[in-house]
Amino acid sequence: MASRLPPLNALRAFEASARQLSFTKAAEELFVTQAAISHQIKSLEEHLGLKLFMRKNRALLLTEEGQSYYLDIKDIFTALHEATEKLLARGAKGAITVSMQPSFAIQWLVPRLNAFNQLHPEIDVRIKAVDQPDNSLTEDVDIAIYYGRGRWPDVHAEKLHTEYLVPVCSPMLLQGKKPLKTIEDLAKHTLLHDTSRRDWKRWFKEVGVKGTNVNHGAIFSHSSMVLQAAIYGQGVALVNSVLAKPDIDAGRLVCPFEHVLISKSSFYIVCRPHQIELGKIASFRRWVLDTVSAEEELSIDMNA
C-alpha cells in the first residue's frame, strides 16, 4: 500500500523555508506566523521520520535529506504555480454571466457598461435580469448584484452603495392643478410605492407630518416601473437615489422635498468565495467597485 502523502500546507511551508532558508521569510510569504511554519515543519519531519533542517551559527540550513527532498519537489511547486497562472489567464477571457434585478440593470449597469467593454474588450458580458434568488448563486451565473442586508449563505458579498430613498415626481406636478409645494400637499397626490407601503410610512413618520393616506396608490414590483410611473406624472414615488439619478439628471424627475430615508438594505456585488480573484470575475468585480467609489467621490466633491 502506498504511503500517505504529507499535508499540502506542510509541504508549502517546507518549500518556502527551504527556498529562502528562513522560517521568518517563509511565514511572511505565506501570511502566517513563524510559529505556524515551525509547527508545519515539525509535523512534516515527524511524518517522514527524517530531519529536514538544522541550525548552525544561527543560520538555517538543509540537511542532506532536506536538500534532496527540496530539489525533488521544487519543480512540482513551480509546475503548480504555472498551471494556476495558465488557468487564471484562460479565466480572464470569454463570457461572464451577471445576474441582477431588472431595475439595477436598466438604471445603473446598462448606461455604464460601455466603459467596461472598452476596458476589457476580451470579456463578453451577459446580463441576466431576473428577480433575486432566495439562496446562493445558480450554476449558470458567475457574479451577481443582490439587494438586502449582506447576509447570504455561501457567497462573498461587498456593499456598493448606502441606499438613500428620495421622493421624486414629474416636474409637471410642481405647477399643475394641485401644485406640490409643501409636504402637506402630498395629501392631494397619489403616492407610488416600490414593493410595499412601508417606506412612505417611515418617511412621513420622520418628517412628522400626519393626515396623508399612505394606504393608497399603486405598488410596483420593480423600481424601474415605479420610476416610469413617476415620470409620466402618475404620482410621487419614494425611490433609490442611485436608480433615480439618470432621470433626475435628465430633468425627467425632480426631488420636491429634501428629506431622505436611509435604508437598512443596500446593493451588494456577490460571487463565490473561491472565485474572488478569478480572471474575468475579478475584473468585473473590481470595475463595479471602482466605478461606485469614483462616482461617490465625485458626488461628495460636487456637494462640498
C-alpha atoms as a PDB file:
ATOM      1  CA  MET A   1       0.000   0.000   0.000  1.00  0.00           C
ATOM      2  CA  ALA A   2       1.357   3.430  -0.927  1.00  0.00           C
ATOM      3  CA  SER A   3       2.417   5.768   1.882  1.00  0.00           C
ATOM      4  CA  ARG A   4       0.069   8.632   2.675  1.00  0.00           C
ATOM      5  CA  LEU A   5       1.294  11.920   1.194  1.00  0.00           C
ATOM      6  CA  PRO A   6       2.226  14.708   3.642  1.00  0.00           C
ATOM      7  CA  PRO A   7      -0.343  17.539   4.091  1.00  0.00           C
ATOM      8  CA  LEU A   8      -0.079  20.202   1.395  1.00  0.00           C
ATOM      9  CA  ASN A   9       0.275  23.033   3.936  1.00  0.00           C
ATOM     10  CA  ALA A  10       3.299  21.305   5.443  1.00  0.00           C
ATOM     11  CA  LEU A  11       4.856  20.882   2.003  1.00  0.00           C
ATOM     12  CA  ARG A  12       4.217  24.562   1.183  1.00  0.00           C
ATOM     13  CA  ALA A  13       5.891  25.578   4.445  1.00  0.00           C
ATOM     14  CA  PHE A  14       8.863  23.329   3.685  1.00  0.00           C
ATOM     15  CA  GLU A  15       9.261  24.544   0.089  1.00  0.00           C
ATOM     16  CA  ALA A  16       9.173  28.213   1.088  1.00  0.00           C
ATOM     17  CA  SER A  17      11.515  27.689   4.056  1.00  0.00           C
ATOM     18  CA  ALA A  18      13.976  25.648   2.008  1.00  0.00           C
ATOM     19  CA  ARG A  19      13.967  28.158  -0.854  1.00  0.00           C
ATOM     20  CA  GLN A  20      14.566  31.133   1.425  1.00  0.00           C
ATOM     21  CA  LEU A  21      16.443  29.291   4.206  1.00  0.00           C
ATOM     22  CA  SER A  22      14.381  31.271   6.680  1.00  0.00           C
ATOM     23  CA  PHE A  23      11.278  30.425   8.682  1.00  0.00           C
ATOM     24  CA  THR A  24      10.607  34.142   9.126  1.00  0.00           C
ATOM     25  CA  LYS A  25      10.635  34.912   5.400  1.00  0.00           C
ATOM     26  CA  ALA A  26       8.558  31.824   4.674  1.00  0.00           C
ATOM     27  CA  ALA A  27       5.974  32.988   7.208  1.00  0.00           C
ATOM     28  CA  GLU A  28       5.804  36.436   5.572  1.00  0.00           C
ATOM     29  CA  GLU A  29       5.380  34.886   2.125  1.00  0.00           C
ATOM     30  CA  LEU A  30       2.578  32.576   3.247  1.00  0.00           C
ATOM     31  CA  PHE A  31       0.898  35.160   5.526  1.00  0.00           C
ATOM     32  CA  VAL A  32       1.197  33.024   8.657  1.00  0.00           C
ATOM     33  CA  THR A  33       3.234  33.265  11.861  1.00  0.00           C
ATOM     34  CA  GLN A  34       6.750  31.925  12.275  1.00  0.00           C
ATOM     35  CA  ALA A  35       5.388  29.584  14.942  1.00  0.00           C
ATOM     36  CA  ALA A  36       2.962  28.151  12.383  1.00  0.00           C
ATOM     37  CA  ILE A  37       5.828  27.475   9.970  1.00  0.00           C
ATOM     38  CA  SER A  38       7.844  25.776  12.698  1.00  0.00           C
ATOM     39  CA  HIS A  39       4.835  23.633  13.596  1.00  0.00           C
ATOM     40  CA  GLN A  40       4.308  22.595   9.955  1.00  0.00           C
ATOM     41  CA  ILE A  41       7.987  21.701   9.532  1.00  0.00           C
ATOM     42  CA  LYS A  42       7.959  19.647  12.730  1.00  0.00           C
ATOM     43  CA  SER A  43       4.807  17.869  11.563  1.00  0.00           C
ATOM     44  CA  LEU A  44       6.403  17.090   8.193  1.00  0.00           C
ATOM     45  CA  GLU A  45       9.584  15.762   9.794  1.00  0.00           C
ATOM     46  CA  GLU A  46       7.540  13.509  12.070  1.00  0.00           C
ATOM     47  CA  HIS A  47       5.503  12.285   9.103  1.00  0.00           C
ATOM     48  CA  LEU A  48       8.649  11.441   7.106  1.00  0.00           C
ATOM     49  CA  GLY A  49      10.727  10.281  10.051  1.00  0.00           C
ATOM     50  CA  LEU A  50      13.604  12.450   8.858  1.00  0.00           C
ATOM     51  CA  LYS A  51      15.295  15.679   9.932  1.00  0.00           C
ATOM     52  CA  LEU A  52      14.998  18.292   7.163  1.00  0.00           C
ATOM     53  CA  PHE A  53      16.611  21.383   8.723  1.00  0.00           C
ATOM     54  CA  MET A  54      19.438  22.124  11.098  1.00  0.00           C
ATOM     55  CA  ARG A  55      20.724  25.320  12.691  1.00  0.00           C
ATOM     56  CA  LYS A  56      24.376  26.294  12.561  1.00  0.00           C
ATOM     57  CA  ASN A  57      25.698  29.605  13.860  1.00  0.00           C
ATOM     58  CA  ARG A  58      22.119  30.962  13.903  1.00  0.00           C
ATOM     59  CA  ALA A  59      21.746  30.116  10.201  1.00  0.00           C
ATOM     60  CA  LEU A  60      19.058  27.770   8.920  1.00  0.00           C
ATOM     61  CA  LEU A  61      20.482  25.001   6.747  1.00  0.00           C
ATOM     62  CA  LEU A  62      19.039  21.991   4.981  1.00  0.00           C
ATOM     63  CA  THR A  63      20.150  18.531   5.977  1.00  0.00           C
ATOM     64  CA  GLU A  64      21.310  16.196   3.231  1.00  0.00           C
ATOM     65  CA  GLU A  65      17.844  14.594   3.202  1.00  0.00           C
ATOM     66  CA  GLY A  66      16.190  18.007   3.233  1.00  0.00           C
ATOM     67  CA  GLN A  67      18.284  19.219   0.298  1.00  0.00           C
ATOM     68  CA  SER A  68      17.450  16.128  -1.735  1.00  0.00           C
ATOM     69  CA  TYR A  69      13.734  16.412  -0.929  1.00  0.00           C
ATOM     70  CA  TYR A  70      13.657  20.114  -1.831  1.00  0.00           C
ATOM     71  CA  LEU A  71      15.311  19.511  -5.210  1.00  0.00           C
ATOM     72  CA  ASP A  72      12.701  16.843  -5.957  1.00  0.00           C
ATOM     73  CA  ILE A  73       9.606  18.880  -5.031  1.00  0.00           C
ATOM     74  CA  LYS A  74      10.543  22.422  -6.092  1.00  0.00           C
ATOM     75  CA  ASP A  75       9.753  21.704  -9.744  1.00  0.00           C
ATOM     76  CA  ILE A  76       6.369  20.341  -8.673  1.00  0.00           C
ATOM     77  CA  PHE A  77       5.509  23.650  -6.964  1.00  0.00           C
ATOM     78  CA  THR A  78       6.758  25.578  -9.990  1.00  0.00           C
ATOM     79  CA  ALA A  79       4.506  23.480 -12.218  1.00  0.00           C
ATOM     80  CA  LEU A  80       1.529  24.065  -9.893  1.00  0.00           C
ATOM     81  CA  HIS A  81       2.157  27.815  -9.988  1.00  0.00           C
ATOM     82  CA  GLU A  82       2.419  27.841 -13.795  1.00  0.00           C
ATOM     83  CA  ALA A  83      -0.745  25.729 -14.150  1.00  0.00           C
ATOM     84  CA  THR A  84      -2.633  28.113 -11.879  1.00  0.00           C
ATOM     85  CA  GLU A  85      -1.445  31.174 -13.797  1.00  0.00           C
ATOM     86  CA  LYS A  86      -2.443  29.483 -17.054  1.00  0.00           C
ATOM     87  CA  LEU A  87      -5.904  28.735 -15.693  1.00  0.00           C
ATOM     88  CA  LEU A  88      -6.369  32.304 -14.452  1.00  0.00           C
ATOM     89  CA  ALA A  89      -5.256  33.643 -17.839  1.00  0.00           C
ATOM     90  CA  ARG A  90      -7.911  31.486 -19.522  1.00  0.00           C
ATOM     91  CA  GLY A  91     -10.462  32.653 -16.980  1.00  0.00           C
ATOM     92  CA  ALA A  92      -9.705  36.282 -17.804  1.00  0.00           C
ATOM     93  CA  LYS A  93     -11.263  35.942 -21.254  1.00  0.00           C
ATOM     94  CA  GLY A  94     -14.568  34.840 -22.709  1.00  0.00           C
ATOM     95  CA  ALA A  95     -18.109  35.332 -21.486  1.00  0.00           C
ATOM     96  CA  ILE A  96     -19.277  36.229 -17.989  1.00  0.00           C
ATOM     97  CA  THR A  97     -22.882  35.922 -16.844  1.00  0.00           C
ATOM     98  CA  VAL A  98     -24.007  38.647 -14.449  1.00  0.00           C
ATOM     99  CA  SER A  99     -27.321  38.348 -12.628  1.00  0.00           C
ATOM    100  CA  MET A 100     -29.256  41.227 -11.074  1.00  0.00           C
ATOM    101  CA  GLN A 101     -32.692  42.711 -10.652  1.00  0.00           C
ATOM    102  CA  PRO A 102     -34.063  44.313 -13.847  1.00  0.00           C
ATOM    103  CA  SER A 103     -34.201  47.782 -12.270  1.00  0.00           C
ATOM    104  CA  PHE A 104     -30.494  47.786 -11.385  1.00  0.00           C
ATOM    105  CA  ALA A 105     -29.600  46.502 -14.849  1.00  0.00           C
ATOM    106  CA  ILE A 106     -31.665  49.191 -16.600  1.00  0.00           C
ATOM    107  CA  GLN A 107     -30.923  52.169 -14.365  1.00  0.00           C
ATOM    108  CA  TRP A 108     -27.294  51.526 -13.357  1.00  0.00           C
ATOM    109  CA  LEU A 109     -25.393  48.856 -15.250  1.00  0.00           C
ATOM    110  CA  VAL A 110     -26.515  49.319 -18.861  1.00  0.00           C
ATOM    111  CA  PRO A 111     -25.681  53.068 -19.050  1.00  0.00           C
ATOM    112  CA  ARG A 112     -22.149  52.321 -17.766  1.00  0.00           C
ATOM    113  CA  LEU A 113     -21.456  49.019 -19.491  1.00  0.00           C
ATOM    114  CA  ASN A 114     -19.641  50.553 -22.451  1.00  0.00           C
ATOM    115  CA  ALA A 115     -16.900  51.708 -20.071  1.00  0.00           C
ATOM    116  CA  PHE A 116     -16.296  48.115 -19.006  1.00  0.00           C
ATOM    117  CA  ASN A 117     -16.357  46.911 -22.621  1.00  0.00           C
ATOM    118  CA  GLN A 118     -13.693  49.433 -23.573  1.00  0.00           C
ATOM    119  CA  LEU A 119     -11.554  48.448 -20.596  1.00  0.00           C
ATOM    120  CA  HIS A 120     -11.984  44.697 -21.151  1.00  0.00           C
ATOM    121  CA  PRO A 121     -12.849  44.003 -24.816  1.00  0.00           C
ATOM    122  CA  GLU A 122     -11.820  40.375 -24.299  1.00  0.00           C
ATOM    123  CA  ILE A 123     -14.768  39.776 -21.922  1.00  0.00           C
ATOM    124  CA  ASP A 124     -18.332  39.423 -23.187  1.00  0.00           C
ATOM    125  CA  VAL A 125     -20.864  40.404 -20.518  1.00  0.00           C
ATOM    126  CA  ARG A 126     -24.131  38.504 -20.497  1.00  0.00           C
ATOM    127  CA  ILE A 127     -26.755  40.223 -18.357  1.00  0.00           C
ATOM    128  CA  LYS A 128     -29.360  38.038 -16.731  1.00  0.00           C
ATOM    129  CA  ALA A 129     -32.028  40.416 -15.421  1.00  0.00           C
ATOM    130  CA  VAL A 130     -34.121  38.329 -13.037  1.00  0.00           C
ATOM    131  CA  ASP A 131     -35.657  38.549  -9.603  1.00  0.00           C
ATOM    132  CA  GLN A 132     -33.137  37.776  -6.883  1.00  0.00           C
ATOM    133  CA  PRO A 133     -32.965  34.100  -5.860  1.00  0.00           C
ATOM    134  CA  ASP A 134     -33.606  33.198  -2.249  1.00  0.00           C
ATOM    135  CA  ASN A 135     -30.420  31.182  -1.854  1.00  0.00           C
ATOM    136  CA  SER A 136     -26.912  31.192  -3.318  1.00  0.00           C
ATOM    137  CA  LEU A 137     -25.791  31.742  -6.906  1.00  0.00           C
ATOM    138  CA  THR A 138     -27.234  29.426  -9.519  1.00  0.00           C
ATOM    139  CA  GLU A 139     -24.839  27.356 -11.596  1.00  0.00           C
ATOM    140  CA  ASP A 140     -25.288  29.444 -14.753  1.00  0.00           C
ATOM    141  CA  VAL A 141     -24.285  32.719 -13.007  1.00  0.00           C
ATOM    142  CA  ASP A 142     -20.706  33.888 -12.412  1.00  0.00           C
ATOM    143  CA  ILE A 143     -21.365  37.030 -10.390  1.00  0.00           C
ATOM    144  CA  ALA A 144     -24.452  38.936  -9.264  1.00  0.00           C
ATOM    145  CA  ILE A 145     -25.844  42.088  -7.720  1.00  0.00           C
ATOM    146  CA  TYR A 146     -28.041  41.317  -4.713  1.00  0.00           C
ATOM    147  CA  TYR A 147     -30.264  43.648  -2.735  1.00  0.00           C
ATOM    148  CA  GLY A 148     -30.557  43.195   1.013  1.00  0.00           C
ATOM    149  CA  ARG A 149     -28.532  43.383   4.200  1.00  0.00           C
ATOM    150  CA  GLY A 150     -25.490  41.444   3.056  1.00  0.00           C
ATOM    151  CA  ARG A 151     -26.254  38.196   4.819  1.00  0.00           C
ATOM    152  CA  TRP A 152     -26.473  35.384   2.278  1.00  0.00           C
ATOM    153  CA  PRO A 153     -25.071  31.865   2.638  1.00  0.00           C
ATOM    154  CA  ASP A 154     -22.194  30.574   0.523  1.00  0.00           C
ATOM    155  CA  VAL A 155     -21.341  33.888  -1.201  1.00  0.00           C
ATOM    156  CA  HIS A 156     -18.816  36.685  -0.754  1.00  0.00           C
ATOM    157  CA  ALA A 157     -20.727  39.994  -0.585  1.00  0.00           C
ATOM    158  CA  GLU A 158     -19.377  43.553  -0.837  1.00  0.00           C
ATOM    159  CA  LYS A 159     -21.587  46.587  -0.322  1.00  0.00           C
ATOM    160  CA  LEU A 160     -21.909  49.022  -3.213  1.00  0.00           C
ATOM    161  CA  HIS A 161     -23.997  51.992  -2.088  1.00  0.00           C
ATOM    162  CA  THR A 162     -25.622  53.153   1.084  1.00  0.00           C
ATOM    163  CA  GLU A 163     -29.197  53.405  -0.092  1.00  0.00           C
ATOM    164  CA  TYR A 164     -30.987  56.722   0.249  1.00  0.00           C
ATOM    165  CA  LEU A 165     -34.687  56.802  -0.574  1.00  0.00           C
ATOM    166  CA  VAL A 166     -35.750  60.128  -2.089  1.00  0.00           C
ATOM    167  CA  PRO A 167     -39.196  61.470  -3.086  1.00  0.00           C
ATOM    168  CA  VAL A 168     -39.406  62.122  -6.832  1.00  0.00           C
ATOM    169  CA  CYS A 169     -42.071  63.239  -9.282  1.00  0.00           C
ATOM    170  CA  SER A 170     -42.533  64.701 -12.717  1.00  0.00           C
ATOM    171  CA  PRO A 171     -41.798  68.456 -12.956  1.00  0.00           C
ATOM    172  CA  MET A 172     -45.368  68.933 -14.194  1.00  0.00           C
ATOM    173  CA  LEU A 173     -46.718  68.138 -10.703  1.00  0.00           C
ATOM    174  CA  LEU A 174     -44.952  71.155  -9.209  1.00  0.00           C
ATOM    175  CA  GLN A 175     -47.081  73.577 -11.186  1.00  0.00           C
ATOM    176  CA  GLY A 176     -50.195  71.560 -12.033  1.00  0.00           C
ATOM    177  CA  LYS A 177     -53.779  71.965 -10.879  1.00  0.00           C
ATOM    178  CA  LYS A 178     -52.705  70.856  -7.423  1.00  0.00           C
ATOM    179  CA  PRO A 179     -49.214  72.361  -7.138  1.00  0.00           C
ATOM    180  CA  LEU A 180     -46.840  70.366  -4.976  1.00  0.00           C
ATOM    181  CA  LYS A 181     -45.098  72.963  -2.811  1.00  0.00           C
ATOM    182  CA  THR A 182     -45.249  71.653   0.758  1.00  0.00           C
ATOM    183  CA  ILE A 183     -45.194  68.193   2.331  1.00  0.00           C
ATOM    184  CA  GLU A 184     -48.840  68.719   3.308  1.00  0.00           C
ATOM    185  CA  ASP A 185     -49.668  68.979  -0.425  1.00  0.00           C
ATOM    186  CA  LEU A 186     -48.794  65.275  -0.787  1.00  0.00           C
ATOM    187  CA  ALA A 187     -52.245  64.520   0.647  1.00  0.00           C
ATOM    188  CA  LYS A 188     -53.669  65.764  -2.672  1.00  0.00           C
ATOM    189  CA  HIS A 189     -51.480  63.473  -4.773  1.00  0.00           C
ATOM    190  CA  THR A 190     -51.177  59.762  -5.446  1.00  0.00           C
ATOM    191  CA  LEU A 191     -48.306  58.045  -3.673  1.00  0.00           C
ATOM    192  CA  LEU A 192     -46.429  55.442  -5.731  1.00  0.00           C
ATOM    193  CA  HIS A 193     -44.929  52.523  -3.841  1.00  0.00           C
ATOM    194  CA  ASP A 194     -41.815  50.465  -4.589  1.00  0.00           C
ATOM    195  CA  THR A 195     -42.574  46.875  -3.445  1.00  0.00           C
ATOM    196  CA  SER A 196     -44.515  47.888  -0.297  1.00  0.00           C
ATOM    197  CA  ARG A 197     -46.016  50.852   1.581  1.00  0.00           C
ATOM    198  CA  ARG A 198     -43.511  50.657   4.452  1.00  0.00           C
ATOM    199  CA  ASP A 199     -41.074  53.245   3.083  1.00  0.00           C
ATOM    200  CA  TRP A 200     -43.645  56.030   2.693  1.00  0.00           C
ATOM    201  CA  LYS A 201     -44.923  55.295   6.209  1.00  0.00           C
ATOM    202  CA  ARG A 202     -41.406  55.680   7.608  1.00  0.00           C
ATOM    203  CA  TRP A 203     -40.829  58.845   5.580  1.00  0.00           C
ATOM    204  CA  PHE A 204     -43.959  60.594   6.926  1.00  0.00           C
ATOM    205  CA  LYS A 205     -43.138  59.469  10.458  1.00  0.00           C
ATOM    206  CA  GLU A 206     -39.660  61.012  10.216  1.00  0.00           C
ATOM    207  CA  VAL A 207     -40.886  64.345   8.808  1.00  0.00           C
ATOM    208  CA  GLY A 208     -43.621  64.453  11.455  1.00  0.00           C
ATOM    209  CA  VAL A 209     -46.498  65.119   9.073  1.00  0.00           C
ATOM    210  CA  LYS A 210     -49.851  63.397   9.622  1.00  0.00           C
ATOM    211  CA  GLY A 211     -53.076  63.239   7.646  1.00  0.00           C
ATOM    212  CA  THR A 212     -51.771  61.737   4.397  1.00  0.00           C
ATOM    213  CA  ASN A 213     -53.334  58.429   3.432  1.00  0.00           C
ATOM    214  CA  VAL A 214     -50.369  56.155   2.763  1.00  0.00           C
ATOM    215  CA  ASN A 215     -52.564  53.123   2.204  1.00  0.00           C
ATOM    216  CA  HIS A 216     -53.437  54.005  -1.382  1.00  0.00           C
ATOM    217  CA  GLY A 217     -51.583  54.225  -4.649  1.00  0.00           C
ATOM    218  CA  ALA A 218     -50.139  51.556  -6.918  1.00  0.00           C
ATOM    219  CA  ILE A 219     -47.493  49.132  -5.657  1.00  0.00           C
ATOM    220  CA  PHE A 220     -44.819  48.117  -8.202  1.00  0.00           C
ATOM    221  CA  SER A 221     -42.626  45.017  -8.003  1.00  0.00           C
ATOM    222  CA  HIS A 222     -39.618  46.706  -9.662  1.00  0.00           C
ATOM    223  CA  SER A 223     -38.060  50.117  -9.136  1.00  0.00           C
ATOM    224  CA  SER A 224     -37.871  50.797 -12.876  1.00  0.00           C
ATOM    225  CA  MET A 225     -41.665  50.589 -13.097  1.00  0.00           C
ATOM    226  CA  VAL A 226     -42.301  52.983 -10.224  1.00  0.00           C
ATOM    227  CA  LEU A 227     -39.794  55.405 -11.786  1.00  0.00           C
ATOM    228  CA  GLN A 228     -41.639  55.254 -15.124  1.00  0.00           C
ATOM    229  CA  ALA A 229     -44.959  55.888 -13.397  1.00  0.00           C
ATOM    230  CA  ALA A 230     -43.485  58.960 -11.701  1.00  0.00           C
ATOM    231  CA  ILE A 231     -42.010  60.235 -14.985  1.00  0.00           C
ATOM    232  CA  TYR A 232     -45.469  60.049 -16.599  1.00  0.00           C
ATOM    233  CA  GLY A 233     -46.954  62.156 -13.809  1.00  0.00           C
ATOM    234  CA  GLN A 234     -48.958  59.367 -12.184  1.00  0.00           C
ATOM    235  CA  GLY A 235     -47.881  60.353  -8.673  1.00  0.00           C
ATOM    236  CA  VAL A 236     -44.974  60.835  -6.280  1.00  0.00           C
ATOM    237  CA  ALA A 237     -42.569  57.946  -5.691  1.00  0.00           C
ATOM    238  CA  LEU A 238     -40.058  57.205  -2.940  1.00  0.00           C
ATOM    239  CA  VAL A 239     -37.140  55.514  -4.696  1.00  0.00           C
ATOM    240  CA  ASN A 240     -33.479  54.582  -4.513  1.00  0.00           C
ATOM    241  CA  SER A 241     -31.420  57.707  -5.230  1.00  0.00           C
ATOM    242  CA  VAL A 242     -28.850  55.779  -7.290  1.00  0.00           C
ATOM    243  CA  LEU A 243     -31.502  54.275  -9.554  1.00  0.00           C
ATOM    244  CA  ALA A 244     -33.320  57.599  -9.889  1.00  0.00           C
ATOM    245  CA  LYS A 245     -30.176  59.613 -10.679  1.00  0.00           C
ATOM    246  CA  PRO A 246     -30.237  59.221 -14.506  1.00  0.00           C
ATOM    247  CA  ASP A 247     -33.812  60.534 -14.692  1.00  0.00           C
ATOM    248  CA  ILE A 248     -33.107  63.331 -12.191  1.00  0.00           C
ATOM    249  CA  ASP A 249     -30.007  64.412 -14.137  1.00  0.00           C
ATOM    250  CA  ALA A 250     -32.030  64.390 -17.380  1.00  0.00           C
ATOM    251  CA  GLY A 251     -34.775  66.519 -15.841  1.00  0.00           C
ATOM    252  CA  ARG A 252     -37.438  63.841 -16.221  1.00  0.00           C
ATOM    253  CA  LEU A 253     -37.793  63.715 -12.441  1.00  0.00           C
ATOM    254  CA  VAL A 254     -37.327  66.247  -9.653  1.00  0.00           C
ATOM    255  CA  CYS A 255     -36.995  65.934  -5.886  1.00  0.00           C
ATOM    256  CA  PRO A 256     -39.733  68.142  -4.406  1.00  0.00           C
ATOM    257  CA  PHE A 257     -38.527  67.712  -0.805  1.00  0.00           C
ATOM    258  CA  GLU A 258     -35.084  67.331   0.756  1.00  0.00           C
ATOM    259  CA  HIS A 259     -35.823  64.746   3.435  1.00  0.00           C
ATOM    260  CA  VAL A 260     -34.469  61.279   2.569  1.00  0.00           C
ATOM    261  CA  LEU A 261     -34.613  57.875   4.234  1.00  0.00           C
ATOM    262  CA  ILE A 262     -31.505  55.818   4.909  1.00  0.00           C
ATOM    263  CA  SER A 263     -32.486  52.278   4.052  1.00  0.00           C
ATOM    264  CA  LYS A 264     -31.406  49.249   6.063  1.00  0.00           C
ATOM    265  CA  SER A 265     -30.841  47.407   2.786  1.00  0.00           C
ATOM    266  CA  SER A 266     -28.326  48.094   0.032  1.00  0.00           C
ATOM    267  CA  PHE A 267     -26.998  46.691  -3.216  1.00  0.00           C
ATOM    268  CA  TYR A 268     -24.120  44.201  -2.924  1.00  0.00           C
ATOM    269  CA  ILE A 269     -21.904  42.571  -5.504  1.00  0.00           C
ATOM    270  CA  VAL A 270     -21.640  38.867  -4.743  1.00  0.00           C
ATOM    271  CA  CYS A 271     -19.635  35.926  -6.048  1.00  0.00           C
ATOM    272  CA  ARG A 272     -18.476  32.552  -4.853  1.00  0.00           C
ATOM    273  CA  PRO A 273     -15.766  32.933  -2.148  1.00  0.00           C
ATOM    274  CA  HIS A 274     -13.208  30.840  -4.025  1.00  0.00           C
ATOM    275  CA  GLN A 275     -13.624  32.927  -7.208  1.00  0.00           C
ATOM    276  CA  ILE A 276     -12.975  36.410  -5.788  1.00  0.00           C
ATOM    277  CA  GLU A 277      -9.716  36.735  -7.714  1.00  0.00           C
ATOM    278  CA  LEU A 278     -10.556  34.512 -10.674  1.00  0.00           C
ATOM    279  CA  GLY A 279      -9.867  36.187 -14.033  1.00  0.00           C
ATOM    280  CA  LYS A 280     -12.935  37.761 -15.612  1.00  0.00           C
ATOM    281  CA  ILE A 281     -14.928  37.608 -12.366  1.00  0.00           C
ATOM    282  CA  ALA A 282     -12.247  39.616 -10.577  1.00  0.00           C
ATOM    283  CA  SER A 283     -12.100  42.122 -13.463  1.00  0.00           C
ATOM    284  CA  PHE A 284     -15.838  42.756 -13.431  1.00  0.00           C
ATOM    285  CA  ARG A 285     -16.000  42.886  -9.620  1.00  0.00           C
ATOM    286  CA  ARG A 286     -13.158  45.406  -9.385  1.00  0.00           C
ATOM    287  CA  TRP A 287     -14.664  47.548 -12.163  1.00  0.00           C
ATOM    288  CA  VAL A 288     -18.040  47.754 -10.405  1.00  0.00           C
ATOM    289  CA  LEU A 289     -16.452  48.625  -7.042  1.00  0.00           C
ATOM    290  CA  ASP A 290     -14.112  51.201  -8.621  1.00  0.00           C
ATOM    291  CA  THR A 291     -16.969  52.808 -10.576  1.00  0.00           C
ATOM    292  CA  VAL A 292     -19.149  53.119  -7.485  1.00  0.00           C
ATOM    293  CA  SER A 293     -16.261  54.568  -5.469  1.00  0.00           C
ATOM    294  CA  ALA A 294     -15.383  57.120  -8.167  1.00  0.00           C
ATOM    295  CA  GLU A 295     -18.999  58.261  -8.520  1.00  0.00           C
ATOM    296  CA  GLU A 296     -19.391  58.657  -4.768  1.00  0.00           C
ATOM    297  CA  GLU A 297     -16.205  60.763  -4.570  1.00  0.00           C
ATOM    298  CA  LEU A 298     -17.465  62.953  -7.434  1.00  0.00           C
ATOM    299  CA  SER A 299     -20.803  63.416  -5.685  1.00  0.00           C
ATOM    300  CA  ILE A 300     -19.059  64.473  -2.463  1.00  0.00           C
ATOM    301  CA  ASP A 301     -16.877  66.969  -4.366  1.00  0.00           C
ATOM    302  CA  MET A 302     -19.879  68.480  -6.134  1.00  0.00           C
ATOM    303  CA  ASN A 303     -21.800  68.866  -2.876  1.00  0.00           C
ATOM    304  CA  ALA A 304     -18.866  70.285  -0.932  1.00  0.00           C
END
